[in-house]
């Protein structure tokens, strides 16, 4: 976990996934851990580069998987935030609820991402910096649900807590843009 939180946020998925098998690891899990260590040892000289030429914009990429856990059918949500194309935070979590809709899953992930975007906006305002926020999401259905204030009968099951995202969009906290799955930075 130290690798994920302090030095290698790109290990978030594999460490999170492998930690599920820590009580009863099999040979395949041992092999996977050895591959992680091999990757670490072969990339020790890599460093993050902060490009000076890019404009100052906070970009957040939101993604979710639909029932990808074979045993529980739970879904995973993740986001990544970049400032000047440099990653400043990464989130990956297996959710405890089950959904029967990809729209709901993506809507939940976008809600979590919007909360983090609001936190960043508030933190930057505390030090008198105003940085525009751009969020990217891949399914157009969740974007249309957020942008359109019309109540959809098919989406009445979505908990009111996730309508927070719509409130943030209406209050111009961020701009929301579609990005294709092929160019999505957050992969599950």
N, C-alpha and C. Protein backbone atom coordinates (compact mmCIF):
# COMPACT_ATOMS: atom_id res chain seq x y z
N UNK A 1 0.82 -1.20 0.00
CA UNK A 1 0.00 0.00 0.00
C UNK A 1 0.87 1.26 0.00
N UNK A 2 2.07 1.18 0.58
CA UNK A 2 2.97 2.33 0.55
C UNK A 2 3.28 2.71 -0.89
N UNK A 3 3.48 1.71 -1.76
CA UNK A 3 3.77 1.99 -3.16
C UNK A 3 2.65 2.79 -3.80
N UNK A 4 1.42 2.41 -3.51
CA UNK A 4 0.26 3.06 -4.12
C UNK A 4 0.12 4.49 -3.62
N UNK A 5 0.22 4.68 -2.32
CA UNK A 5 -0.07 6.01 -1.77
C UNK A 5 1.08 6.99 -1.87
N UNK A 6 2.32 6.50 -1.93
CA UNK A 6 3.45 7.42 -1.87
C UNK A 6 4.30 7.48 -3.13
N UNK A 7 4.47 6.39 -3.84
CA UNK A 7 5.43 6.42 -4.92
C UNK A 7 4.87 6.01 -6.28
N UNK A 8 3.99 5.04 -6.32
CA UNK A 8 3.52 4.50 -7.60
C UNK A 8 1.99 4.43 -7.64
N UNK A 9 1.30 5.54 -7.92
CA UNK A 9 -0.17 5.45 -7.99
C UNK A 9 -0.66 4.58 -9.14
N UNK A 10 0.21 4.28 -10.10
CA UNK A 10 -0.19 3.42 -11.21
C UNK A 10 -0.38 1.97 -10.78
N UNK A 11 0.01 1.63 -9.56
CA UNK A 11 -0.19 0.28 -9.04
C UNK A 11 -1.52 0.11 -8.33
N UNK A 12 -2.35 1.13 -8.32
CA UNK A 12 -3.58 1.09 -7.56
C UNK A 12 -4.42 -0.13 -7.88
N UNK A 13 -4.64 -0.40 -9.15
CA UNK A 13 -5.49 -1.53 -9.52
C UNK A 13 -4.87 -2.85 -9.10
N UNK A 14 -3.62 -3.10 -9.48
CA UNK A 14 -3.05 -4.42 -9.23
C UNK A 14 -2.87 -4.69 -7.73
N UNK A 15 -2.48 -3.70 -6.95
CA UNK A 15 -2.33 -3.90 -5.51
C UNK A 15 -3.69 -4.13 -4.87
N UNK A 16 -4.68 -3.34 -5.27
CA UNK A 16 -6.03 -3.52 -4.74
C UNK A 16 -6.57 -4.90 -5.07
N UNK A 17 -6.35 -5.33 -6.29
CA UNK A 17 -6.84 -6.63 -6.73
C UNK A 17 -6.11 -7.77 -6.00
N UNK A 18 -4.79 -7.68 -5.94
CA UNK A 18 -4.02 -8.75 -5.30
C UNK A 18 -4.25 -8.82 -3.79
N UNK A 19 -4.55 -7.71 -3.17
CA UNK A 19 -4.78 -7.72 -1.73
C UNK A 19 -6.03 -8.53 -1.34
N UNK A 20 -6.92 -8.75 -2.29
CA UNK A 20 -8.11 -9.55 -2.01
C UNK A 20 -7.76 -11.01 -1.73
N UNK A 21 -6.58 -11.43 -2.17
CA UNK A 21 -6.18 -12.82 -2.04
C UNK A 21 -5.09 -13.02 -1.00
N UNK A 22 -4.88 -12.04 -0.13
CA UNK A 22 -3.78 -12.12 0.83
C UNK A 22 -3.99 -13.19 1.89
N UNK A 23 -5.22 -13.54 2.20
CA UNK A 23 -5.44 -14.56 3.23
C UNK A 23 -5.23 -15.97 2.70
N UNK A 24 -5.47 -16.21 1.40
CA UNK A 24 -5.27 -17.52 0.79
C UNK A 24 -4.70 -17.38 -0.61
N UNK A 25 -3.46 -16.96 -0.70
CA UNK A 25 -2.88 -16.77 -2.04
C UNK A 25 -2.58 -18.10 -2.72
N UNK A 26 -2.76 -18.11 -4.02
CA UNK A 26 -2.41 -19.27 -4.84
C UNK A 26 -1.11 -18.98 -5.58
N UNK A 27 -0.62 -19.94 -6.30
CA UNK A 27 0.61 -19.76 -7.08
C UNK A 27 0.47 -18.64 -8.10
N UNK A 28 -0.71 -18.51 -8.70
CA UNK A 28 -0.93 -17.47 -9.71
C UNK A 28 -0.79 -16.07 -9.08
N UNK A 29 -1.22 -15.93 -7.83
CA UNK A 29 -1.11 -14.63 -7.15
C UNK A 29 0.34 -14.35 -6.79
N UNK A 30 1.06 -15.37 -6.39
CA UNK A 30 2.49 -15.22 -6.09
C UNK A 30 3.24 -14.77 -7.34
N UNK A 31 2.90 -15.37 -8.48
CA UNK A 31 3.52 -15.00 -9.75
C UNK A 31 3.20 -13.55 -10.10
N UNK A 32 1.97 -13.13 -9.85
CA UNK A 32 1.57 -11.75 -10.13
C UNK A 32 2.34 -10.76 -9.26
N UNK A 33 2.54 -11.09 -8.00
CA UNK A 33 3.31 -10.22 -7.10
C UNK A 33 4.76 -10.12 -7.57
N UNK A 34 5.32 -11.22 -8.02
CA UNK A 34 6.69 -11.20 -8.53
C UNK A 34 6.79 -10.31 -9.78
N UNK A 35 5.74 -10.31 -10.61
CA UNK A 35 5.73 -9.44 -11.79
C UNK A 35 5.70 -7.97 -11.39
N UNK A 36 4.95 -7.66 -10.33
CA UNK A 36 4.90 -6.28 -9.83
C UNK A 36 6.29 -5.86 -9.35
N UNK A 37 6.94 -6.71 -8.58
CA UNK A 37 8.29 -6.40 -8.09
C UNK A 37 9.28 -6.27 -9.25
N UNK A 38 9.14 -7.09 -10.25
CA UNK A 38 10.02 -7.00 -11.41
C UNK A 38 9.82 -5.65 -12.12
N UNK A 39 8.56 -5.24 -12.25
CA UNK A 39 8.28 -3.95 -12.88
C UNK A 39 8.89 -2.81 -12.07
N UNK A 40 8.76 -2.89 -10.75
CA UNK A 40 9.32 -1.85 -9.89
C UNK A 40 10.83 -1.76 -10.08
N UNK A 41 11.49 -2.90 -10.05
CA UNK A 41 12.95 -2.88 -10.17
C UNK A 41 13.42 -2.42 -11.55
N UNK A 42 12.61 -2.63 -12.58
CA UNK A 42 13.02 -2.20 -13.93
C UNK A 42 12.67 -0.75 -14.23
N UNK A 43 11.90 -0.09 -13.36
CA UNK A 43 11.51 1.30 -13.61
C UNK A 43 12.00 2.24 -12.51
N UNK A 44 13.01 1.88 -11.80
CA UNK A 44 13.51 2.72 -10.70
C UNK A 44 13.99 4.08 -11.17
N UNK A 45 14.47 4.17 -12.39
CA UNK A 45 15.01 5.45 -12.88
C UNK A 45 13.94 6.36 -13.48
N UNK A 46 12.70 5.92 -13.57
CA UNK A 46 11.64 6.75 -14.14
C UNK A 46 11.24 7.85 -13.17
N UNK A 47 10.96 9.03 -13.70
CA UNK A 47 10.54 10.16 -12.88
C UNK A 47 9.34 10.84 -13.56
N UNK A 48 8.57 11.56 -12.77
CA UNK A 48 7.48 12.36 -13.31
C UNK A 48 8.03 13.68 -13.82
N UNK A 49 7.56 14.08 -14.98
CA UNK A 49 7.99 15.35 -15.57
C UNK A 49 6.81 16.30 -15.55
N UNK A 50 7.06 17.49 -15.10
CA UNK A 50 6.01 18.51 -15.03
C UNK A 50 6.17 19.46 -16.21
N UNK A 51 5.32 19.33 -17.23
CA UNK A 51 5.47 20.19 -18.42
C UNK A 51 5.10 21.64 -18.10
N UNK A 52 5.97 22.55 -18.40
CA UNK A 52 5.75 23.96 -18.12
C UNK A 52 4.90 24.65 -19.19
N UNK A 53 4.86 24.09 -20.39
CA UNK A 53 4.18 24.77 -21.48
C UNK A 53 2.67 24.58 -21.48
N UNK A 54 2.17 23.56 -20.82
CA UNK A 54 0.73 23.33 -20.86
C UNK A 54 0.00 24.34 -19.97
N UNK A 55 -1.25 24.60 -20.33
CA UNK A 55 -2.04 25.56 -19.57
C UNK A 55 -2.45 24.95 -18.23
N UNK A 56 -2.71 25.82 -17.28
CA UNK A 56 -3.10 25.36 -15.96
C UNK A 56 -4.59 25.04 -15.98
N UNK A 57 -4.88 23.76 -15.95
CA UNK A 57 -6.25 23.29 -15.90
C UNK A 57 -6.26 22.00 -15.11
N UNK A 58 -7.26 21.85 -14.26
CA UNK A 58 -7.44 20.61 -13.52
C UNK A 58 -8.36 19.72 -14.33
N UNK A 59 -7.88 18.54 -14.69
CA UNK A 59 -8.67 17.60 -15.49
C UNK A 59 -8.92 16.35 -14.67
N UNK A 60 -10.18 15.92 -14.66
CA UNK A 60 -10.55 14.70 -13.95
C UNK A 60 -11.17 13.70 -14.92
N UNK A 61 -10.74 12.48 -14.83
CA UNK A 61 -11.27 11.40 -15.68
C UNK A 61 -11.98 10.41 -14.77
N UNK A 62 -13.23 10.13 -15.09
CA UNK A 62 -14.06 9.26 -14.27
C UNK A 62 -14.42 8.00 -15.05
N UNK A 63 -14.39 6.85 -14.37
CA UNK A 63 -14.73 5.61 -15.05
C UNK A 63 -15.29 4.61 -14.05
N UNK A 64 -16.03 3.66 -14.55
CA UNK A 64 -16.60 2.59 -13.72
C UNK A 64 -16.69 1.33 -14.55
N UNK A 65 -16.64 0.22 -13.85
CA UNK A 65 -16.83 -1.08 -14.51
C UNK A 65 -18.19 -1.62 -14.10
N UNK A 66 -18.77 -2.40 -14.95
CA UNK A 66 -20.11 -2.92 -14.69
C UNK A 66 -20.03 -4.39 -14.31
N UNK A 67 -20.27 -4.70 -13.04
CA UNK A 67 -20.34 -6.07 -12.52
C UNK A 67 -19.13 -6.90 -12.94
N UNK A 68 -17.95 -6.35 -12.78
CA UNK A 68 -16.77 -7.08 -13.24
C UNK A 68 -16.26 -8.10 -12.23
N UNK A 69 -16.74 -8.07 -11.00
CA UNK A 69 -16.36 -9.08 -10.02
C UNK A 69 -17.25 -10.30 -10.25
N UNK A 70 -16.64 -11.40 -10.64
CA UNK A 70 -17.40 -12.60 -10.98
C UNK A 70 -18.15 -13.16 -9.79
N UNK A 71 -17.56 -13.08 -8.60
CA UNK A 71 -18.18 -13.67 -7.42
C UNK A 71 -19.32 -12.82 -6.85
N UNK A 72 -19.11 -11.52 -6.73
CA UNK A 72 -20.09 -10.67 -6.05
C UNK A 72 -20.91 -9.79 -6.99
N UNK A 73 -20.46 -9.62 -8.22
CA UNK A 73 -21.09 -8.74 -9.21
C UNK A 73 -21.06 -7.27 -8.79
N UNK A 74 -20.14 -6.94 -7.88
CA UNK A 74 -19.96 -5.54 -7.52
C UNK A 74 -19.20 -4.85 -8.65
N UNK A 75 -19.24 -3.53 -8.63
CA UNK A 75 -18.56 -2.78 -9.67
C UNK A 75 -17.45 -1.94 -9.06
N UNK A 76 -16.52 -1.52 -9.88
CA UNK A 76 -15.41 -0.69 -9.44
C UNK A 76 -15.58 0.71 -10.00
N UNK A 77 -15.20 1.69 -9.19
CA UNK A 77 -15.19 3.07 -9.66
C UNK A 77 -13.76 3.60 -9.52
N UNK A 78 -13.42 4.51 -10.40
CA UNK A 78 -12.10 5.10 -10.32
C UNK A 78 -12.12 6.50 -10.93
N UNK A 79 -11.16 7.29 -10.50
CA UNK A 79 -10.92 8.59 -11.14
C UNK A 79 -9.44 8.88 -11.08
N UNK A 80 -9.06 9.79 -11.92
CA UNK A 80 -7.68 10.30 -11.91
C UNK A 80 -7.78 11.81 -12.15
N UNK A 81 -7.02 12.57 -11.38
CA UNK A 81 -6.97 14.02 -11.57
C UNK A 81 -5.56 14.40 -11.99
N UNK A 82 -5.50 15.28 -12.98
CA UNK A 82 -4.22 15.77 -13.47
C UNK A 82 -4.22 17.29 -13.48
N UNK A 83 -3.10 17.85 -13.08
CA UNK A 83 -2.87 19.28 -13.14
C UNK A 83 -1.68 19.48 -14.05
N UNK A 84 -1.88 20.19 -15.15
CA UNK A 84 -0.84 20.34 -16.18
C UNK A 84 -0.34 18.98 -16.67
N UNK A 85 -1.26 18.08 -16.89
CA UNK A 85 -0.98 16.74 -17.42
C UNK A 85 -0.18 15.86 -16.47
N UNK A 86 -0.01 16.29 -15.21
CA UNK A 86 0.67 15.47 -14.21
C UNK A 86 -0.37 14.95 -13.22
N UNK A 87 -0.34 13.68 -12.96
CA UNK A 87 -1.30 13.07 -12.05
C UNK A 87 -1.06 13.56 -10.63
N UNK A 88 -2.13 14.07 -10.00
CA UNK A 88 -2.03 14.51 -8.62
C UNK A 88 -2.85 13.64 -7.68
N UNK A 89 -3.83 12.91 -8.20
CA UNK A 89 -4.54 11.96 -7.35
C UNK A 89 -5.18 10.88 -8.21
N UNK A 90 -5.34 9.73 -7.57
CA UNK A 90 -5.89 8.57 -8.24
C UNK A 90 -6.73 7.82 -7.22
N UNK A 91 -7.88 7.34 -7.65
CA UNK A 91 -8.81 6.65 -6.76
C UNK A 91 -9.30 5.39 -7.46
N UNK A 92 -9.35 4.31 -6.71
CA UNK A 92 -9.88 3.07 -7.24
C UNK A 92 -10.53 2.33 -6.08
N UNK A 93 -11.81 1.93 -6.25
CA UNK A 93 -12.50 1.26 -5.16
C UNK A 93 -13.57 0.32 -5.69
N UNK A 94 -13.63 -0.85 -5.10
CA UNK A 94 -14.73 -1.77 -5.38
C UNK A 94 -15.91 -1.31 -4.54
N UNK A 95 -17.03 -1.02 -5.18
CA UNK A 95 -18.20 -0.54 -4.47
C UNK A 95 -18.93 -1.70 -3.79
N UNK A 96 -19.68 -1.39 -2.75
CA UNK A 96 -20.38 -2.42 -2.00
C UNK A 96 -21.80 -2.66 -2.46
N UNK A 97 -22.24 -1.92 -3.45
CA UNK A 97 -23.59 -2.12 -3.97
C UNK A 97 -23.53 -2.80 -5.34
N UNK A 98 -24.65 -3.31 -5.76
CA UNK A 98 -24.78 -3.97 -7.05
C UNK A 98 -25.76 -3.15 -7.88
N UNK A 99 -25.47 -2.99 -9.15
CA UNK A 99 -26.33 -2.20 -10.03
C UNK A 99 -26.73 -3.03 -11.24
N UNK A 100 -27.90 -2.74 -11.75
CA UNK A 100 -28.36 -3.42 -12.97
C UNK A 100 -28.30 -2.49 -14.18
N UNK A 101 -27.55 -1.40 -14.05
CA UNK A 101 -27.52 -0.41 -15.12
C UNK A 101 -26.11 0.19 -15.25
N UNK A 102 -25.60 0.21 -16.45
CA UNK A 102 -24.29 0.85 -16.68
C UNK A 102 -24.39 2.36 -16.48
N UNK A 103 -25.54 2.92 -16.79
CA UNK A 103 -25.74 4.36 -16.59
C UNK A 103 -25.60 4.71 -15.11
N UNK A 104 -26.22 3.91 -14.24
CA UNK A 104 -26.15 4.18 -12.80
C UNK A 104 -24.71 4.04 -12.31
N UNK A 105 -24.02 3.01 -12.76
CA UNK A 105 -22.64 2.78 -12.34
C UNK A 105 -21.76 3.97 -12.72
N UNK A 106 -21.88 4.44 -13.94
CA UNK A 106 -21.09 5.59 -14.39
C UNK A 106 -21.52 6.87 -13.68
N UNK A 107 -22.80 6.98 -13.38
CA UNK A 107 -23.32 8.15 -12.68
C UNK A 107 -22.75 8.22 -11.26
N UNK A 108 -22.65 7.06 -10.60
CA UNK A 108 -22.07 7.00 -9.26
C UNK A 108 -20.60 7.39 -9.32
N UNK A 109 -19.88 6.85 -10.29
CA UNK A 109 -18.46 7.19 -10.43
C UNK A 109 -18.27 8.69 -10.68
N UNK A 110 -19.12 9.26 -11.51
CA UNK A 110 -19.02 10.68 -11.80
C UNK A 110 -19.36 11.52 -10.58
N UNK A 111 -20.26 11.04 -9.75
CA UNK A 111 -20.60 11.75 -8.52
C UNK A 111 -19.41 11.79 -7.57
N UNK A 112 -18.72 10.66 -7.44
CA UNK A 112 -17.53 10.60 -6.59
C UNK A 112 -16.45 11.54 -7.14
N UNK A 113 -16.29 11.56 -8.45
CA UNK A 113 -15.31 12.43 -9.09
C UNK A 113 -15.67 13.90 -8.89
N UNK A 114 -16.95 14.23 -8.99
CA UNK A 114 -17.40 15.61 -8.80
C UNK A 114 -17.12 16.09 -7.37
N UNK A 115 -17.29 15.22 -6.41
CA UNK A 115 -16.99 15.59 -5.02
C UNK A 115 -15.51 15.91 -4.85
N UNK A 116 -14.65 15.13 -5.48
CA UNK A 116 -13.22 15.40 -5.40
C UNK A 116 -12.87 16.70 -6.13
N UNK A 117 -13.53 16.95 -7.26
CA UNK A 117 -13.30 18.19 -8.01
C UNK A 117 -13.69 19.40 -7.15
N UNK A 118 -14.79 19.28 -6.43
CA UNK A 118 -15.21 20.38 -5.56
C UNK A 118 -14.19 20.60 -4.44
N UNK A 119 -13.66 19.51 -3.92
CA UNK A 119 -12.65 19.63 -2.87
C UNK A 119 -11.42 20.38 -3.40
N UNK A 120 -10.97 20.01 -4.61
CA UNK A 120 -9.82 20.70 -5.21
C UNK A 120 -10.13 22.18 -5.44
N UNK A 121 -11.31 22.48 -5.95
CA UNK A 121 -11.70 23.86 -6.20
C UNK A 121 -11.66 24.67 -4.90
N UNK A 122 -12.18 24.08 -3.84
CA UNK A 122 -12.19 24.76 -2.55
C UNK A 122 -10.76 24.94 -2.03
N UNK A 123 -9.93 23.93 -2.17
CA UNK A 123 -8.54 24.02 -1.71
C UNK A 123 -7.77 25.10 -2.47
N UNK A 124 -7.98 25.18 -3.78
CA UNK A 124 -7.29 26.21 -4.57
C UNK A 124 -7.78 27.61 -4.21
N UNK A 125 -9.08 27.75 -3.92
CA UNK A 125 -9.61 29.06 -3.53
C UNK A 125 -9.03 29.52 -2.20
N UNK A 126 -8.71 28.58 -1.32
CA UNK A 126 -8.12 28.92 -0.03
C UNK A 126 -6.77 29.61 -0.19
N UNK A 127 -6.08 29.30 -1.29
CA UNK A 127 -4.78 29.94 -1.54
C UNK A 127 -4.86 30.93 -2.71
N UNK A 128 -6.09 31.41 -2.97
CA UNK A 128 -6.36 32.44 -3.97
C UNK A 128 -5.94 32.06 -5.38
N UNK A 129 -6.20 30.82 -5.76
CA UNK A 129 -5.94 30.35 -7.12
C UNK A 129 -7.26 29.89 -7.71
N UNK A 130 -7.56 30.39 -8.89
CA UNK A 130 -8.78 29.98 -9.58
C UNK A 130 -8.38 29.17 -10.82
N UNK A 131 -8.61 27.89 -10.77
CA UNK A 131 -8.23 26.99 -11.85
C UNK A 131 -9.50 26.35 -12.41
N UNK A 132 -9.68 26.41 -13.73
CA UNK A 132 -10.86 25.76 -14.31
C UNK A 132 -10.76 24.23 -14.18
N UNK A 133 -11.91 23.60 -14.00
CA UNK A 133 -11.98 22.15 -13.84
C UNK A 133 -12.72 21.55 -15.03
N UNK A 134 -12.15 20.54 -15.62
CA UNK A 134 -12.75 19.83 -16.75
C UNK A 134 -12.84 18.35 -16.37
N UNK A 135 -14.06 17.80 -16.36
CA UNK A 135 -14.25 16.39 -16.09
C UNK A 135 -14.55 15.65 -17.39
N UNK A 136 -14.02 14.45 -17.51
CA UNK A 136 -14.24 13.62 -18.68
C UNK A 136 -14.88 12.31 -18.25
N UNK A 137 -15.84 11.88 -19.05
CA UNK A 137 -16.56 10.64 -18.78
C UNK A 137 -16.84 9.95 -20.11
N UNK A 138 -16.84 8.63 -20.13
CA UNK A 138 -17.00 7.96 -21.42
C UNK A 138 -18.43 7.61 -21.82
N UNK A 139 -19.35 7.24 -20.95
CA UNK A 139 -20.67 6.92 -21.48
C UNK A 139 -21.51 8.18 -21.65
N UNK A 140 -22.06 8.35 -22.80
CA UNK A 140 -22.87 9.54 -23.07
C UNK A 140 -24.18 9.52 -22.30
N UNK A 141 -24.66 8.34 -21.94
CA UNK A 141 -25.94 8.26 -21.23
C UNK A 141 -25.87 8.96 -19.87
N UNK A 142 -24.79 8.79 -19.13
CA UNK A 142 -24.70 9.45 -17.83
C UNK A 142 -24.50 10.95 -17.97
N UNK A 143 -23.80 11.37 -19.02
CA UNK A 143 -23.63 12.81 -19.25
C UNK A 143 -24.97 13.45 -19.58
N UNK A 144 -25.75 12.80 -20.44
CA UNK A 144 -27.07 13.34 -20.79
C UNK A 144 -28.00 13.38 -19.59
N UNK A 145 -27.89 12.38 -18.73
CA UNK A 145 -28.72 12.35 -17.53
C UNK A 145 -28.38 13.52 -16.60
N UNK A 146 -27.10 13.86 -16.52
CA UNK A 146 -26.67 14.96 -15.66
C UNK A 146 -27.06 16.31 -16.27
N UNK A 147 -26.88 16.46 -17.57
CA UNK A 147 -27.14 17.74 -18.22
C UNK A 147 -28.62 18.05 -18.38
N UNK A 148 -29.45 17.04 -18.50
CA UNK A 148 -30.87 17.25 -18.74
C UNK A 148 -31.64 17.22 -17.43
N UNK A 149 -32.29 18.33 -17.06
CA UNK A 149 -33.02 18.37 -15.79
C UNK A 149 -34.37 17.64 -15.82
N UNK A 150 -34.72 17.04 -16.93
CA UNK A 150 -35.99 16.33 -17.03
C UNK A 150 -35.90 15.05 -16.22
N UNK A 151 -36.93 14.76 -15.46
CA UNK A 151 -36.97 13.56 -14.65
C UNK A 151 -37.29 12.36 -15.54
N UNK A 152 -36.41 11.39 -15.54
CA UNK A 152 -36.62 10.18 -16.33
C UNK A 152 -37.25 9.10 -15.45
N UNK A 153 -38.31 8.50 -15.94
CA UNK A 153 -38.97 7.43 -15.18
C UNK A 153 -38.03 6.24 -14.99
N UNK A 154 -37.18 5.96 -15.97
CA UNK A 154 -36.29 4.81 -15.89
C UNK A 154 -35.13 5.03 -14.92
N UNK A 155 -34.89 6.26 -14.50
CA UNK A 155 -33.77 6.52 -13.61
C UNK A 155 -34.22 6.92 -12.21
N UNK A 156 -35.45 6.68 -11.86
CA UNK A 156 -35.92 7.08 -10.54
C UNK A 156 -35.27 6.29 -9.41
N UNK A 157 -34.66 5.16 -9.73
CA UNK A 157 -34.02 4.34 -8.71
C UNK A 157 -32.67 4.89 -8.28
N UNK A 158 -32.14 5.85 -9.01
CA UNK A 158 -30.83 6.41 -8.65
C UNK A 158 -31.01 7.27 -7.41
N UNK A 159 -30.23 6.96 -6.41
CA UNK A 159 -30.31 7.63 -5.13
C UNK A 159 -30.07 9.13 -5.28
N UNK A 160 -30.76 9.91 -4.46
CA UNK A 160 -30.70 11.36 -4.53
C UNK A 160 -29.28 11.88 -4.26
N UNK A 161 -28.49 11.11 -3.52
CA UNK A 161 -27.13 11.57 -3.21
C UNK A 161 -26.30 11.74 -4.47
N UNK A 162 -26.61 11.01 -5.52
CA UNK A 162 -25.83 11.10 -6.74
C UNK A 162 -26.26 12.27 -7.63
N UNK A 163 -27.39 12.89 -7.31
CA UNK A 163 -27.80 14.08 -8.06
C UNK A 163 -26.97 15.30 -7.69
N UNK A 164 -26.08 15.12 -6.76
CA UNK A 164 -25.11 16.15 -6.39
C UNK A 164 -24.32 16.60 -7.61
N UNK A 165 -24.01 15.66 -8.49
CA UNK A 165 -23.23 15.95 -9.68
C UNK A 165 -23.95 16.98 -10.55
N UNK A 166 -25.24 16.81 -10.72
CA UNK A 166 -26.02 17.76 -11.52
C UNK A 166 -25.97 19.15 -10.90
N UNK A 167 -26.07 19.20 -9.58
CA UNK A 167 -26.00 20.48 -8.87
C UNK A 167 -24.67 21.17 -9.13
N UNK A 168 -23.58 20.41 -9.09
CA UNK A 168 -22.25 20.99 -9.35
C UNK A 168 -22.15 21.51 -10.78
N UNK A 169 -22.70 20.78 -11.73
CA UNK A 169 -22.65 21.20 -13.13
C UNK A 169 -23.46 22.48 -13.34
N UNK A 170 -24.63 22.55 -12.73
CA UNK A 170 -25.48 23.73 -12.85
C UNK A 170 -24.79 24.96 -12.26
N UNK A 171 -24.05 24.75 -11.16
CA UNK A 171 -23.34 25.85 -10.51
C UNK A 171 -21.97 26.13 -11.12
N UNK A 172 -21.71 25.57 -12.29
CA UNK A 172 -20.47 25.79 -13.06
C UNK A 172 -19.21 25.46 -12.27
N UNK A 173 -19.27 24.43 -11.45
CA UNK A 173 -18.08 23.99 -10.74
C UNK A 173 -17.08 23.37 -11.71
N UNK A 174 -17.60 22.72 -12.73
CA UNK A 174 -16.75 22.09 -13.73
C UNK A 174 -17.48 22.04 -15.06
N UNK A 175 -16.73 21.73 -16.11
CA UNK A 175 -17.31 21.45 -17.42
C UNK A 175 -17.24 19.95 -17.61
N UNK A 176 -18.24 19.39 -18.25
CA UNK A 176 -18.31 17.94 -18.44
C UNK A 176 -18.20 17.63 -19.92
N UNK A 177 -17.30 16.72 -20.28
CA UNK A 177 -17.04 16.40 -21.67
C UNK A 177 -16.99 14.89 -21.86
N UNK A 178 -17.52 14.46 -22.97
CA UNK A 178 -17.44 13.06 -23.35
C UNK A 178 -16.04 12.75 -23.86
N UNK A 179 -15.52 11.60 -23.49
CA UNK A 179 -14.26 11.11 -24.03
C UNK A 179 -14.47 9.63 -24.34
N UNK A 180 -13.97 9.18 -25.48
CA UNK A 180 -14.20 7.79 -25.87
C UNK A 180 -13.45 6.85 -24.93
N UNK A 181 -13.94 5.65 -24.83
CA UNK A 181 -13.32 4.65 -23.97
C UNK A 181 -11.87 4.39 -24.37
N UNK A 182 -11.56 4.50 -25.65
CA UNK A 182 -10.20 4.24 -26.13
C UNK A 182 -9.21 5.28 -25.62
N UNK A 183 -9.67 6.51 -25.38
CA UNK A 183 -8.77 7.56 -24.92
C UNK A 183 -8.93 7.86 -23.43
N UNK A 184 -9.73 7.07 -22.73
CA UNK A 184 -9.95 7.26 -21.30
C UNK A 184 -8.67 6.93 -20.54
N UNK A 185 -8.24 7.85 -19.67
CA UNK A 185 -7.02 7.62 -18.89
C UNK A 185 -7.21 6.61 -17.77
N UNK A 186 -8.42 6.55 -17.22
CA UNK A 186 -8.68 5.65 -16.11
C UNK A 186 -9.26 4.37 -16.69
N UNK A 187 -8.50 3.32 -16.61
CA UNK A 187 -8.95 2.02 -17.13
C UNK A 187 -9.20 1.08 -15.98
N UNK A 188 -10.16 0.20 -16.17
CA UNK A 188 -10.48 -0.77 -15.13
C UNK A 188 -10.23 -2.18 -15.61
